[in-house]
Amino acid sequence: MGQATGHSRDTIKKGDRVKIRGQWREVVRANPKTVSVTTGYSWTDTTPYAEIQEHQRPRLARPRSAPQDRP
């Protein structure tokens, strides 16, 4: 731990998923030195960027096609 990971407020955004201590969490807020993530409870945890093991951007949902008009 404590090693440079290349993650920062510039690379991590709200809604992204990060792996911290072996568990995937959703980012609630990207702070200057830390990231706030969901916990599954009513509070969030704050963790330094150096503890992020992996990072995933949210997948964009495919746009639904418009319903076809039927004769």
PDB file of N, CA and C in Angstrom:
ATOM      1  N   MET A   1       0.827  -1.178   0.000  1.00  0.00           N
ATOM      2  CA  MET A   1       0.000   0.000   0.000  1.00  0.00           C
ATOM      3  C   MET A   1       0.874   1.245   0.000  1.00  0.00           C
ATOM      4  N   GLY A   2       0.262   2.377  -0.365  1.00  0.00           N
ATOM      5  CA  GLY A   2       1.012   3.612  -0.383  1.00  0.00           C
ATOM      6  C   GLY A   2       1.796   3.823  -1.662  1.00  0.00           C
ATOM      7  N   GLN A   3       1.670   2.921  -2.623  1.00  0.00           N
ATOM      8  CA  GLN A   3       2.374   3.059  -3.883  1.00  0.00           C
ATOM      9  C   GLN A   3       1.558   3.911  -4.848  1.00  0.00           C
ATOM     10  N   ALA A   4       2.244   4.608  -5.741  1.00  0.00           N
ATOM     11  CA  ALA A   4       1.558   5.415  -6.748  1.00  0.00           C
ATOM     12  C   ALA A   4       0.783   4.495  -7.688  1.00  0.00           C
ATOM     13  N   THR A   5      -0.470   4.820  -7.911  1.00  0.00           N
ATOM     14  CA  THR A   5      -1.311   3.987  -8.775  1.00  0.00           C
ATOM     15  C   THR A   5      -1.691   4.683 -10.066  1.00  0.00           C
ATOM     16  N   GLY A   6      -1.424   5.967 -10.166  1.00  0.00           N
ATOM     17  CA  GLY A   6      -1.819   6.722 -11.357  1.00  0.00           C
ATOM     18  C   GLY A   6      -3.261   7.195 -11.289  1.00  0.00           C
ATOM     19  N   HIS A   7      -3.967   6.867 -10.210  1.00  0.00           N
ATOM     20  CA  HIS A   7      -5.341   7.312 -10.070  1.00  0.00           C
ATOM     21  C   HIS A   7      -5.374   8.656  -9.351  1.00  0.00           C
ATOM     22  N   SER A   8      -6.308   9.496  -9.765  1.00  0.00           N
ATOM     23  CA  SER A   8      -6.472  10.806  -9.144  1.00  0.00           C
ATOM     24  C   SER A   8      -7.877  11.303  -9.450  1.00  0.00           C
ATOM     25  N   ARG A   9      -8.159  12.485  -8.994  1.00  0.00           N
ATOM     26  CA  ARG A   9      -9.448  13.122  -9.266  1.00  0.00           C
ATOM     27  C   ARG A   9      -9.671  13.278 -10.775  1.00  0.00           C
ATOM     28  N   ASP A  10      -8.565  13.347 -11.535  1.00  0.00           N
ATOM     29  CA  ASP A  10      -8.664  13.491 -12.991  1.00  0.00           C
ATOM     30  C   ASP A  10      -9.072  12.192 -13.681  1.00  0.00           C
ATOM     31  N   THR A  11      -8.806  11.044 -13.048  1.00  0.00           N
ATOM     32  CA  THR A  11      -9.096   9.757 -13.692  1.00  0.00           C
ATOM     33  C   THR A  11     -10.293   9.029 -13.097  1.00  0.00           C
ATOM     34  N   ILE A  12     -10.660   9.364 -11.875  1.00  0.00           N
ATOM     35  CA  ILE A  12     -11.781   8.707 -11.189  1.00  0.00           C
ATOM     36  C   ILE A  12     -12.944   9.692 -11.103  1.00  0.00           C
ATOM     37  N   LYS A  13     -14.126   9.256 -11.502  1.00  0.00           N
ATOM     38  CA  LYS A  13     -15.312  10.118 -11.502  1.00  0.00           C
ATOM     39  C   LYS A  13     -16.463   9.457 -10.745  1.00  0.00           C
ATOM     40  N   LYS A  14     -17.420  10.269 -10.315  1.00  0.00           N
ATOM     41  CA  LYS A  14     -18.623   9.770  -9.659  1.00  0.00           C
ATOM     42  C   LYS A  14     -19.298   8.752 -10.568  1.00  0.00           C
ATOM     43  N   GLY A  15     -19.706   7.617  -9.989  1.00  0.00           N
ATOM     44  CA  GLY A  15     -20.352   6.562 -10.764  1.00  0.00           C
ATOM     45  C   GLY A  15     -19.399   5.475 -11.235  1.00  0.00           C
ATOM     46  N   ASP A  16     -18.087   5.750 -11.221  1.00  0.00           N
ATOM     47  CA  ASP A  16     -17.104   4.722 -11.571  1.00  0.00           C
ATOM     48  C   ASP A  16     -17.107   3.655 -10.476  1.00  0.00           C
ATOM     49  N   ARG A  17     -16.480   2.512 -10.784  1.00  0.00           N
ATOM     50  CA  ARG A  17     -16.314   1.446  -9.791  1.00  0.00           C
ATOM     51  C   ARG A  17     -14.827   1.275  -9.537  1.00  0.00           C
ATOM     52  N   VAL A  18     -14.468   1.130  -8.264  1.00  0.00           N
ATOM     53  CA  VAL A  18     -13.072   0.925  -7.885  1.00  0.00           C
ATOM     54  C   VAL A  18     -12.972  -0.285  -6.967  1.00  0.00           C
ATOM     55  N   LYS A  19     -11.870  -0.996  -7.084  1.00  0.00           N
ATOM     56  CA  LYS A  19     -11.617  -2.150  -6.223  1.00  0.00           C
ATOM     57  C   LYS A  19     -10.668  -1.706  -5.123  1.00  0.00           C
ATOM     58  N   ILE A  20     -11.141  -1.813  -3.869  1.00  0.00           N
ATOM     59  CA  ILE A  20     -10.361  -1.401  -2.705  1.00  0.00           C
ATOM     60  C   ILE A  20     -10.374  -2.550  -1.704  1.00  0.00           C
ATOM     61  N   ARG A  21      -9.184  -2.980  -1.306  1.00  0.00           N
ATOM     62  CA  ARG A  21      -9.042  -4.102  -0.364  1.00  0.00           C
ATOM     63  C   ARG A  21      -9.836  -5.325  -0.818  1.00  0.00           C
ATOM     64  N   GLY A  22      -9.812  -5.570  -2.125  1.00  0.00           N
ATOM     65  CA  GLY A  22     -10.449  -6.762  -2.675  1.00  0.00           C
ATOM     66  C   GLY A  22     -11.936  -6.658  -2.926  1.00  0.00           C
ATOM     67  N   GLN A  23     -12.544  -5.492  -2.661  1.00  0.00           N
ATOM     68  CA  GLN A  23     -13.985  -5.346  -2.867  1.00  0.00           C
ATOM     69  C   GLN A  23     -14.281  -4.198  -3.817  1.00  0.00           C
ATOM     70  N   TRP A  24     -15.238  -4.440  -4.732  1.00  0.00           N
ATOM     71  CA  TRP A  24     -15.653  -3.412  -5.677  1.00  0.00           C
ATOM     72  C   TRP A  24     -16.643  -2.470  -5.009  1.00  0.00           C
ATOM     73  N   ARG A  25     -16.435  -1.177  -5.182  1.00  0.00           N
ATOM     74  CA  ARG A  25     -17.299  -0.139  -4.610  1.00  0.00           C
ATOM     75  C   ARG A  25     -17.616   0.902  -5.684  1.00  0.00           C
ATOM     76  N   GLU A  26     -18.766   1.542  -5.550  1.00  0.00           N
ATOM     77  CA  GLU A  26     -19.130   2.624  -6.470  1.00  0.00           C
ATOM     78  C   GLU A  26     -18.634   3.953  -5.894  1.00  0.00           C
ATOM     79  N   VAL A  27     -18.072   4.785  -6.770  1.00  0.00           N
ATOM     80  CA  VAL A  27     -17.553   6.085  -6.356  1.00  0.00           C
ATOM     81  C   VAL A  27     -18.717   7.058  -6.169  1.00  0.00           C
ATOM     82  N   VAL A  28     -18.748   7.691  -5.002  1.00  0.00           N
ATOM     83  CA  VAL A  28     -19.748   8.702  -4.690  1.00  0.00           C
ATOM     84  C   VAL A  28     -19.177  10.097  -4.953  1.00  0.00           C
ATOM     85  N   ARG A  29     -17.864  10.247  -4.676  1.00  0.00           N
ATOM     86  CA  ARG A  29     -17.220  11.542  -4.848  1.00  0.00           C
ATOM     87  C   ARG A  29     -15.724  11.346  -5.022  1.00  0.00           C
ATOM     88  N   ALA A  30     -15.150  12.112  -5.950  1.00  0.00           N
ATOM     89  CA  ALA A  30     -13.700  12.126  -6.135  1.00  0.00           C
ATOM     90  C   ALA A  30     -13.155  13.387  -5.475  1.00  0.00           C
ATOM     91  N   ASN A  31     -12.447  13.213  -4.382  1.00  0.00           N
ATOM     92  CA  ASN A  31     -11.879  14.314  -3.613  1.00  0.00           C
ATOM     93  C   ASN A  31     -10.451  14.579  -4.090  1.00  0.00           C
ATOM     94  N   PRO A  32      -9.806  15.675  -3.653  1.00  0.00           N
ATOM     95  CA  PRO A  32      -8.434  15.949  -4.114  1.00  0.00           C
ATOM     96  C   PRO A  32      -7.427  14.827  -3.812  1.00  0.00           C
ATOM     97  N   LYS A  33      -7.493  14.206  -2.626  1.00  0.00           N
ATOM     98  CA  LYS A  33      -6.515  13.177  -2.248  1.00  0.00           C
ATOM     99  C   LYS A  33      -7.138  11.815  -1.973  1.00  0.00           C
ATOM    100  N   THR A  34      -8.457  11.765  -1.896  1.00  0.00           N
ATOM    101  CA  THR A  34      -9.151  10.517  -1.559  1.00  0.00           C
ATOM    102  C   THR A  34     -10.370  10.338  -2.455  1.00  0.00           C
ATOM    103  N   VAL A  35     -10.944   9.144  -2.373  1.00  0.00           N
ATOM    104  CA  VAL A  35     -12.176   8.838  -3.088  1.00  0.00           C
ATOM    105  C   VAL A  35     -13.196   8.361  -2.056  1.00  0.00           C
ATOM    106  N   SER A  36     -14.435   8.853  -2.169  1.00  0.00           N
ATOM    107  CA  SER A  36     -15.514   8.413  -1.275  1.00  0.00           C
ATOM    108  C   SER A  36     -16.326   7.365  -2.014  1.00  0.00           C
ATOM    109  N   VAL A  37     -16.564   6.229  -1.348  1.00  0.00           N
ATOM    110  CA  VAL A  37     -17.236   5.096  -1.989  1.00  0.00           C
ATOM    111  C   VAL A  37     -18.390   4.583  -1.141  1.00  0.00           C
ATOM    112  N   THR A  38     -19.327   3.891  -1.796  1.00  0.00           N
ATOM    113  CA  THR A  38     -20.456   3.291  -1.092  1.00  0.00           C
ATOM    114  C   THR A  38     -19.972   2.154  -0.200  1.00  0.00           C
ATOM    115  N   THR A  39     -20.781   1.869   0.824  1.00  0.00           N
ATOM    116  CA  THR A  39     -20.441   0.797   1.751  1.00  0.00           C
ATOM    117  C   THR A  39     -21.527  -0.269   1.843  1.00  0.00           C
ATOM    118  N   GLY A  40     -22.707   0.028   1.328  1.00  0.00           N
ATOM    119  CA  GLY A  40     -23.830  -0.876   1.506  1.00  0.00           C
ATOM    120  C   GLY A  40     -24.662  -0.489   2.720  1.00  0.00           C
ATOM    121  N   TYR A  41     -24.201   0.523   3.425  1.00  0.00           N
ATOM    122  CA  TYR A  41     -24.913   1.053   4.584  1.00  0.00           C
ATOM    123  C   TYR A  41     -25.308   2.495   4.286  1.00  0.00           C
ATOM    124  N   SER A  42     -25.708   3.251   5.295  1.00  0.00           N
ATOM    125  CA  SER A  42     -26.154   4.626   5.071  1.00  0.00           C
ATOM    126  C   SER A  42     -24.992   5.626   5.043  1.00  0.00           C
ATOM    127  N   TRP A  43     -23.744   5.165   5.180  1.00  0.00           N
ATOM    128  CA  TRP A  43     -22.591   6.049   5.158  1.00  0.00           C
ATOM    129  C   TRP A  43     -21.639   5.642   4.038  1.00  0.00           C
ATOM    130  N   THR A  44     -20.661   6.494   3.784  1.00  0.00           N
ATOM    131  CA  THR A  44     -19.633   6.205   2.787  1.00  0.00           C
ATOM    132  C   THR A  44     -18.291   6.024   3.493  1.00  0.00           C
ATOM    133  N   ASP A  45     -17.357   5.380   2.791  1.00  0.00           N
ATOM    134  CA  ASP A  45     -15.980   5.279   3.262  1.00  0.00           C
ATOM    135  C   ASP A  45     -15.119   6.175   2.383  1.00  0.00           C
ATOM    136  N   THR A  46     -14.046   6.700   2.954  1.00  0.00           N
ATOM    137  CA  THR A  46     -13.092   7.523   2.211  1.00  0.00           C
ATOM    138  C   THR A  46     -11.746   6.812   2.229  1.00  0.00           C
ATOM    139  N   THR A  47     -11.151   6.687   1.038  1.00  0.00           N
ATOM    140  CA  THR A  47      -9.912   5.935   0.893  1.00  0.00           C
ATOM    141  C   THR A  47      -8.939   6.705   0.007  1.00  0.00           C
ATOM    142  N   PRO A  48      -7.643   6.699   0.325  1.00  0.00           N
ATOM    143  CA  PRO A  48      -6.651   7.348  -0.537  1.00  0.00           C
ATOM    144  C   PRO A  48      -6.584   6.673  -1.918  1.00  0.00           C
ATOM    145  N   TYR A  49      -6.287   7.462  -2.938  1.00  0.00           N
ATOM    146  CA  TYR A  49      -6.166   6.914  -4.300  1.00  0.00           C
ATOM    147  C   TYR A  49      -5.142   5.785  -4.368  1.00  0.00           C
ATOM    148  N   ALA A  50      -4.111   5.834  -3.552  1.00  0.00           N
ATOM    149  CA  ALA A  50      -3.052   4.816  -3.573  1.00  0.00           C
ATOM    150  C   ALA A  50      -3.573   3.426  -3.228  1.00  0.00           C
ATOM    151  N   GLU A  51      -4.738   3.325  -2.570  1.00  0.00           N
ATOM    152  CA  GLU A  51      -5.288   2.023  -2.201  1.00  0.00           C
ATOM    153  C   GLU A  51      -6.204   1.425  -3.268  1.00  0.00           C
ATOM    154  N   ILE A  52      -6.427   2.147  -4.361  1.00  0.00           N
ATOM    155  CA  ILE A  52      -7.264   1.619  -5.440  1.00  0.00           C
ATOM    156  C   ILE A  52      -6.477   0.559  -6.192  1.00  0.00           C
ATOM    157  N   GLN A  53      -7.039  -0.649  -6.258  1.00  0.00           N
ATOM    158  CA  GLN A  53      -6.375  -1.771  -6.935  1.00  0.00           C
ATOM    159  C   GLN A  53      -6.768  -1.860  -8.401  1.00  0.00           C
ATOM    160  N   GLU A  54      -8.026  -1.562  -8.710  1.00  0.00           N
ATOM    161  CA  GLU A  54      -8.521  -1.584 -10.094  1.00  0.00           C
ATOM    162  C   GLU A  54      -9.583  -0.508 -10.244  1.00  0.00           C
ATOM    163  N   HIS A  55      -9.851  -0.141 -11.500  1.00  0.00           N
ATOM    164  CA  HIS A  55     -10.805   0.925 -11.792  1.00  0.00           C
ATOM    165  C   HIS A  55     -11.615   0.536 -13.024  1.00  0.00           C
ATOM    166  N   GLN A  56     -12.929   0.770 -12.964  1.00  0.00           N
ATOM    167  CA  GLN A  56     -13.804   0.513 -14.116  1.00  0.00           C
ATOM    168  C   GLN A  56     -14.721   1.700 -14.319  1.00  0.00           C
ATOM    169  N   ARG A  57     -14.859   2.102 -15.568  1.00  0.00           N
ATOM    170  CA  ARG A  57     -15.850   3.113 -15.940  1.00  0.00           C
ATOM    171  C   ARG A  57     -17.192   2.421 -16.056  1.00  0.00           C
ATOM    172  N   PRO A  58     -18.293   3.129 -15.780  1.00  0.00           N
ATOM    173  CA  PRO A  58     -19.607   2.488 -15.971  1.00  0.00           C
ATOM    174  C   PRO A  58     -19.846   2.215 -17.441  1.00  0.00           C
ATOM    175  N   ARG A  59     -20.507   1.126 -17.715  1.00  0.00           N
ATOM    176  CA  ARG A  59     -20.845   0.796 -19.097  1.00  0.00           C
ATOM    177  C   ARG A  59     -22.012   1.656 -19.517  1.00  0.00           C
ATOM    178  N   LEU A  60     -21.928   2.149 -20.718  1.00  0.00           N
ATOM    179  CA  LEU A  60     -23.034   2.951 -21.233  1.00  0.00           C
ATOM    180  C   LEU A  60     -24.143   2.022 -21.687  1.00  0.00           C
ATOM    181  N   ALA A  61     -25.346   2.346 -21.282  1.00  0.00           N
ATOM    182  CA  ALA A  61     -26.491   1.543 -21.693  1.00  0.00           C
ATOM    183  C   ALA A  61     -26.749   1.768 -23.173  1.00  0.00           C
ATOM    184  N   ARG A  62     -27.123   0.717 -23.842  1.00  0.00           N
ATOM    185  CA  ARG A  62     -27.480   0.853 -25.252  1.00  0.00           C
ATOM    186  C   ARG A  62     -28.786   1.622 -25.356  1.00  0.00           C
ATOM    187  N   PRO A  63     -28.851   2.569 -26.292  1.00  0.00           N
ATOM    188  CA  PRO A  63     -30.122   3.271 -26.460  1.00  0.00           C
ATOM    189  C   PRO A  63     -31.187   2.313 -26.977  1.00  0.00           C
ATOM    190  N   ARG A  64     -32.363   2.436 -26.437  1.00  0.00           N
ATOM    191  CA  ARG A  64     -33.458   1.589 -26.897  1.00  0.00           C
ATOM    192  C   ARG A  64     -33.926   2.078 -28.249  1.00  0.00           C
ATOM    193  N   SER A  65     -34.237   1.151 -29.113  1.00  0.00           N
ATOM    194  CA  SER A  65     -34.751   1.563 -30.417  1.00  0.00           C
ATOM    195  C   SER A  65     -36.212   1.946 -30.247  1.00  0.00           C
ATOM    196  N   ALA A  66     -36.638   2.874 -31.072  1.00  0.00           N
ATOM    197  CA  ALA A  66     -38.016   3.340 -31.010  1.00  0.00           C
ATOM    198  C   ALA A  66     -38.932   2.208 -31.427  1.00  0.00           C
ATOM    199  N   PRO A  67     -40.108   2.088 -30.801  1.00  0.00           N
ATOM    200  CA  PRO A  67     -41.041   1.034 -31.193  1.00  0.00           C
ATOM    201  C   PRO A  67     -41.486   1.239 -32.630  1.00  0.00           C
ATOM    202  N   GLN A  68     -41.597   0.151 -33.326  1.00  0.00           N
ATOM    203  CA  GLN A  68     -42.031   0.213 -34.720  1.00  0.00           C
ATOM    204  C   GLN A  68     -43.541   0.443 -34.787  1.00  0.00           C
ATOM    205  N   ASP A  69     -43.944   1.318 -35.682  1.00  0.00           N
ATOM    206  CA  ASP A  69     -45.383   1.515 -35.900  1.00  0.00           C
ATOM    207  C   ASP A  69     -45.907   0.312 -36.658  1.00  0.00           C
ATOM    208  N   ARG A  70     -47.006  -0.223 -36.196  1.00  0.00           N
ATOM    209  CA  ARG A  70     -47.595  -1.383 -36.860  1.00  0.00           C
ATOM    210  C   ARG A  70     -48.821  -0.943 -37.618  1.00  0.00           C
ATOM    211  N   PRO A  71     -48.975  -1.443 -38.849  1.00  0.00           N
ATOM    212  CA  PRO A  71     -50.164  -1.060 -39.638  1.00  0.00           C
ATOM    213  C   PRO A  71     -51.437  -1.648 -39.096  1.00  0.00           C
TER     214      PRO A  71
END
